[in-house]
Structure formats: C-alpha cells, structure tokens
Amino acid sequence: MNNCPRCGAPIEGGRAYCSNPACGAAPSQAAPASRKVLDKKIELKLTFDFALVARLAAVLIVLIAAALLYFARR
C-alpha cells in the first residue's frame, strides 16, 4: 500500500487510480503538473504626429476663447 502523489490518501495495491473522488490521480504519477510561467515583455512605442497635436491644441484654444467671449459678455 502506498500513498497518492497528489492528495496523500492511501492507495490499495493493484488499483489504477486514487480512490478519492476529488483526486483520481494515477499512482504512477510522480507529482502534479507544474505551472509554466511565460515571460513576455510588451513594448509600447508611443509615436505621435506633432502637426496633429498642434492642430488639436489650436482648436482647443479657439474653443476656450469662444466660450470666454460668449459667457463674459454683459
């Protein structure tokens, strides 16, 4: 009689699998399967168009100026 490699429950001689219903490991398995950790690096390359940023900034300035003129008038 030996013990199950996963759960440690006793396995009777001649049995093919562990008698524990939650385990069910084969006695020939030496250890549970190990988890393999993948090491992946993600590179994020930030590129932007300066002309686009300048145009968006100009539009934002115009909108702020228009809002100030609209709300500041008496």
N, C-alpha and C. Protein backbone atom coordinates (compact mmCIF):
# COMPACT_ATOMS: atom_id res chain seq x y z
N MET A 1 0.85 -1.17 0.00
CA MET A 1 0.00 0.00 0.00
C MET A 1 0.90 1.24 0.00
N ASN A 2 0.62 2.15 -0.93
CA ASN A 2 1.37 3.41 -0.98
C ASN A 2 0.39 4.58 -0.98
N ASN A 3 0.92 5.77 -0.96
CA ASN A 3 0.08 6.97 -0.89
C ASN A 3 -0.01 7.65 -2.25
N CYS A 4 -1.12 8.35 -2.44
CA CYS A 4 -1.36 9.10 -3.68
C CYS A 4 -0.37 10.26 -3.75
N PRO A 5 0.23 10.50 -4.93
CA PRO A 5 1.18 11.61 -5.04
C PRO A 5 0.52 12.98 -4.97
N ARG A 6 -0.77 13.07 -5.27
CA ARG A 6 -1.46 14.36 -5.24
C ARG A 6 -2.07 14.67 -3.88
N CYS A 7 -2.92 13.78 -3.39
CA CYS A 7 -3.68 14.09 -2.17
C CYS A 7 -3.15 13.39 -0.92
N GLY A 8 -2.34 12.38 -1.09
CA GLY A 8 -1.76 11.69 0.06
C GLY A 8 -2.63 10.59 0.64
N ALA A 9 -3.79 10.33 0.02
CA ALA A 9 -4.67 9.26 0.51
C ALA A 9 -4.02 7.90 0.21
N PRO A 10 -4.25 6.91 1.08
CA PRO A 10 -3.67 5.59 0.83
C PRO A 10 -4.31 4.91 -0.39
N ILE A 11 -3.47 4.31 -1.23
CA ILE A 11 -3.93 3.58 -2.41
C ILE A 11 -3.65 2.10 -2.17
N GLU A 12 -4.68 1.31 -2.29
CA GLU A 12 -4.51 -0.13 -2.09
C GLU A 12 -3.77 -0.72 -3.28
N GLY A 13 -3.05 -1.79 -3.05
CA GLY A 13 -2.28 -2.44 -4.11
C GLY A 13 -3.18 -2.93 -5.24
N GLY A 14 -2.76 -2.75 -6.47
CA GLY A 14 -3.50 -3.21 -7.62
C GLY A 14 -4.50 -2.21 -8.17
N ARG A 15 -4.69 -1.11 -7.51
CA ARG A 15 -5.64 -0.10 -8.01
C ARG A 15 -4.95 0.76 -9.06
N ALA A 16 -5.74 1.19 -10.06
CA ALA A 16 -5.18 2.00 -11.14
C ALA A 16 -5.24 3.49 -10.82
N TYR A 17 -6.22 3.88 -10.01
CA TYR A 17 -6.39 5.30 -9.70
C TYR A 17 -6.65 5.48 -8.21
N CYS A 18 -6.48 6.72 -7.76
CA CYS A 18 -6.73 7.06 -6.36
C CYS A 18 -8.22 6.90 -6.08
N SER A 19 -8.55 6.39 -4.90
CA SER A 19 -9.95 6.17 -4.55
C SER A 19 -10.65 7.46 -4.11
N ASN A 20 -9.92 8.53 -3.91
CA ASN A 20 -10.50 9.81 -3.54
C ASN A 20 -11.21 10.39 -4.77
N PRO A 21 -12.54 10.61 -4.72
CA PRO A 21 -13.25 11.10 -5.91
C PRO A 21 -12.80 12.49 -6.36
N ALA A 22 -12.31 13.30 -5.45
CA ALA A 22 -11.87 14.64 -5.83
C ALA A 22 -10.51 14.62 -6.50
N CYS A 23 -9.75 13.56 -6.32
CA CYS A 23 -8.39 13.49 -6.86
C CYS A 23 -8.35 12.66 -8.14
N GLY A 24 -8.48 11.36 -8.03
CA GLY A 24 -8.48 10.46 -9.18
C GLY A 24 -7.15 10.33 -9.88
N ALA A 25 -6.04 10.60 -9.20
CA ALA A 25 -4.73 10.53 -9.82
C ALA A 25 -4.29 9.08 -9.98
N ALA A 26 -3.49 8.85 -10.99
CA ALA A 26 -2.90 7.52 -11.18
C ALA A 26 -1.70 7.39 -10.26
N PRO A 27 -1.49 6.23 -9.65
CA PRO A 27 -0.36 6.07 -8.73
C PRO A 27 0.99 6.20 -9.41
N SER A 28 1.04 6.05 -10.71
CA SER A 28 2.33 6.15 -11.38
C SER A 28 2.77 7.60 -11.57
N GLN A 29 1.87 8.54 -11.34
CA GLN A 29 2.24 9.95 -11.48
C GLN A 29 3.12 10.35 -10.30
N ALA A 30 4.27 10.90 -10.61
CA ALA A 30 5.22 11.25 -9.56
C ALA A 30 4.81 12.52 -8.81
N ALA A 31 4.33 13.49 -9.55
CA ALA A 31 3.97 14.76 -8.92
C ALA A 31 2.91 15.45 -9.77
N PRO A 32 2.18 16.37 -9.20
CA PRO A 32 1.21 17.10 -10.01
C PRO A 32 1.92 17.94 -11.07
N ALA A 33 1.20 18.22 -12.11
CA ALA A 33 1.78 19.00 -13.20
C ALA A 33 2.16 20.39 -12.70
N SER A 34 3.33 20.83 -13.10
CA SER A 34 3.79 22.15 -12.66
C SER A 34 3.27 23.21 -13.61
N ARG A 35 3.19 24.40 -13.11
CA ARG A 35 2.71 25.52 -13.91
C ARG A 35 3.91 26.17 -14.60
N LYS A 36 3.74 26.45 -15.87
CA LYS A 36 4.81 27.08 -16.62
C LYS A 36 4.50 28.56 -16.77
N VAL A 37 5.41 29.38 -16.32
CA VAL A 37 5.21 30.83 -16.39
C VAL A 37 5.92 31.35 -17.63
N LEU A 38 5.18 32.02 -18.47
CA LEU A 38 5.76 32.59 -19.67
C LEU A 38 6.18 34.02 -19.39
N ASP A 39 7.39 34.33 -19.76
CA ASP A 39 7.91 35.67 -19.55
C ASP A 39 7.85 36.41 -20.87
N LYS A 40 6.83 37.24 -21.02
CA LYS A 40 6.67 38.02 -22.24
C LYS A 40 6.77 39.50 -21.88
N LYS A 41 7.51 40.19 -22.69
CA LYS A 41 7.63 41.63 -22.50
C LYS A 41 6.84 42.32 -23.59
N ILE A 42 6.07 43.29 -23.20
CA ILE A 42 5.27 44.05 -24.14
C ILE A 42 5.87 45.43 -24.27
N GLU A 43 6.25 45.76 -25.47
CA GLU A 43 6.80 47.08 -25.72
C GLU A 43 5.73 47.95 -26.35
N LEU A 44 5.58 49.11 -25.81
CA LEU A 44 4.61 50.06 -26.34
C LEU A 44 5.39 51.26 -26.85
N LYS A 45 5.34 51.44 -28.13
CA LYS A 45 6.08 52.54 -28.73
C LYS A 45 5.09 53.68 -29.00
N LEU A 46 5.32 54.77 -28.31
CA LEU A 46 4.44 55.92 -28.45
C LEU A 46 5.01 56.87 -29.49
N THR A 47 4.33 56.93 -30.59
CA THR A 47 4.71 57.89 -31.62
C THR A 47 3.49 58.73 -31.94
N PHE A 48 3.70 60.01 -32.10
CA PHE A 48 2.58 60.87 -32.43
C PHE A 48 3.05 61.91 -33.43
N ASP A 49 2.10 62.40 -34.15
CA ASP A 49 2.36 63.40 -35.17
C ASP A 49 2.29 64.78 -34.53
N PHE A 50 3.39 65.52 -34.60
CA PHE A 50 3.43 66.83 -33.97
C PHE A 50 2.43 67.78 -34.61
N ALA A 51 2.24 67.68 -35.91
CA ALA A 51 1.30 68.57 -36.60
C ALA A 51 -0.13 68.32 -36.10
N LEU A 52 -0.48 67.07 -35.87
CA LEU A 52 -1.81 66.75 -35.36
C LEU A 52 -2.01 67.32 -33.95
N VAL A 53 -1.01 67.19 -33.11
CA VAL A 53 -1.09 67.73 -31.75
C VAL A 53 -1.22 69.25 -31.80
N ALA A 54 -0.48 69.91 -32.69
CA ALA A 54 -0.55 71.37 -32.82
C ALA A 54 -1.93 71.81 -33.29
N ARG A 55 -2.50 71.08 -34.25
CA ARG A 55 -3.85 71.43 -34.73
C ARG A 55 -4.90 71.26 -33.63
N LEU A 56 -4.80 70.16 -32.88
CA LEU A 56 -5.76 69.94 -31.79
C LEU A 56 -5.63 71.01 -30.71
N ALA A 57 -4.40 71.43 -30.42
CA ALA A 57 -4.19 72.49 -29.43
C ALA A 57 -4.78 73.81 -29.94
N ALA A 58 -4.61 74.09 -31.22
CA ALA A 58 -5.16 75.33 -31.78
C ALA A 58 -6.68 75.32 -31.73
N VAL A 59 -7.30 74.19 -32.03
CA VAL A 59 -8.76 74.09 -31.97
C VAL A 59 -9.23 74.26 -30.52
N LEU A 60 -8.52 73.68 -29.58
CA LEU A 60 -8.88 73.81 -28.17
C LEU A 60 -8.78 75.26 -27.72
N ILE A 61 -7.75 75.96 -28.14
CA ILE A 61 -7.60 77.37 -27.78
C ILE A 61 -8.73 78.20 -28.36
N VAL A 62 -9.11 77.93 -29.60
CA VAL A 62 -10.22 78.67 -30.22
C VAL A 62 -11.52 78.40 -29.48
N LEU A 63 -11.77 77.17 -29.09
CA LEU A 63 -13.00 76.84 -28.35
C LEU A 63 -13.04 77.51 -26.98
N ILE A 64 -11.91 77.53 -26.31
CA ILE A 64 -11.86 78.20 -25.00
C ILE A 64 -12.08 79.70 -25.16
N ALA A 65 -11.47 80.29 -26.18
CA ALA A 65 -11.65 81.73 -26.41
C ALA A 65 -13.10 82.04 -26.76
N ALA A 66 -13.72 81.21 -27.57
CA ALA A 66 -15.13 81.43 -27.92
C ALA A 66 -16.02 81.30 -26.70
N ALA A 67 -15.74 80.33 -25.84
CA ALA A 67 -16.54 80.15 -24.63
C ALA A 67 -16.37 81.34 -23.70
N LEU A 68 -15.16 81.85 -23.56
CA LEU A 68 -14.93 83.03 -22.71
C LEU A 68 -15.64 84.26 -23.25
N LEU A 69 -15.59 84.47 -24.56
CA LEU A 69 -16.28 85.62 -25.15
C LEU A 69 -17.80 85.49 -25.00
N TYR A 70 -18.33 84.30 -25.14
CA TYR A 70 -19.78 84.11 -25.04
C TYR A 70 -20.27 84.33 -23.61
N PHE A 71 -19.57 83.74 -22.64
CA PHE A 71 -20.04 83.81 -21.25
C PHE A 71 -19.62 85.10 -20.54
N ALA A 72 -18.62 85.83 -21.08
CA ALA A 72 -18.14 87.03 -20.42
C ALA A 72 -18.88 88.30 -20.87
N ARG A 73 -19.66 88.24 -21.91
CA ARG A 73 -20.35 89.44 -22.39
C ARG A 73 -21.50 89.82 -21.45
N ARG A 74 -21.81 91.10 -21.41
CA ARG A 74 -22.87 91.55 -20.50
C ARG A 74 -24.03 92.08 -21.22
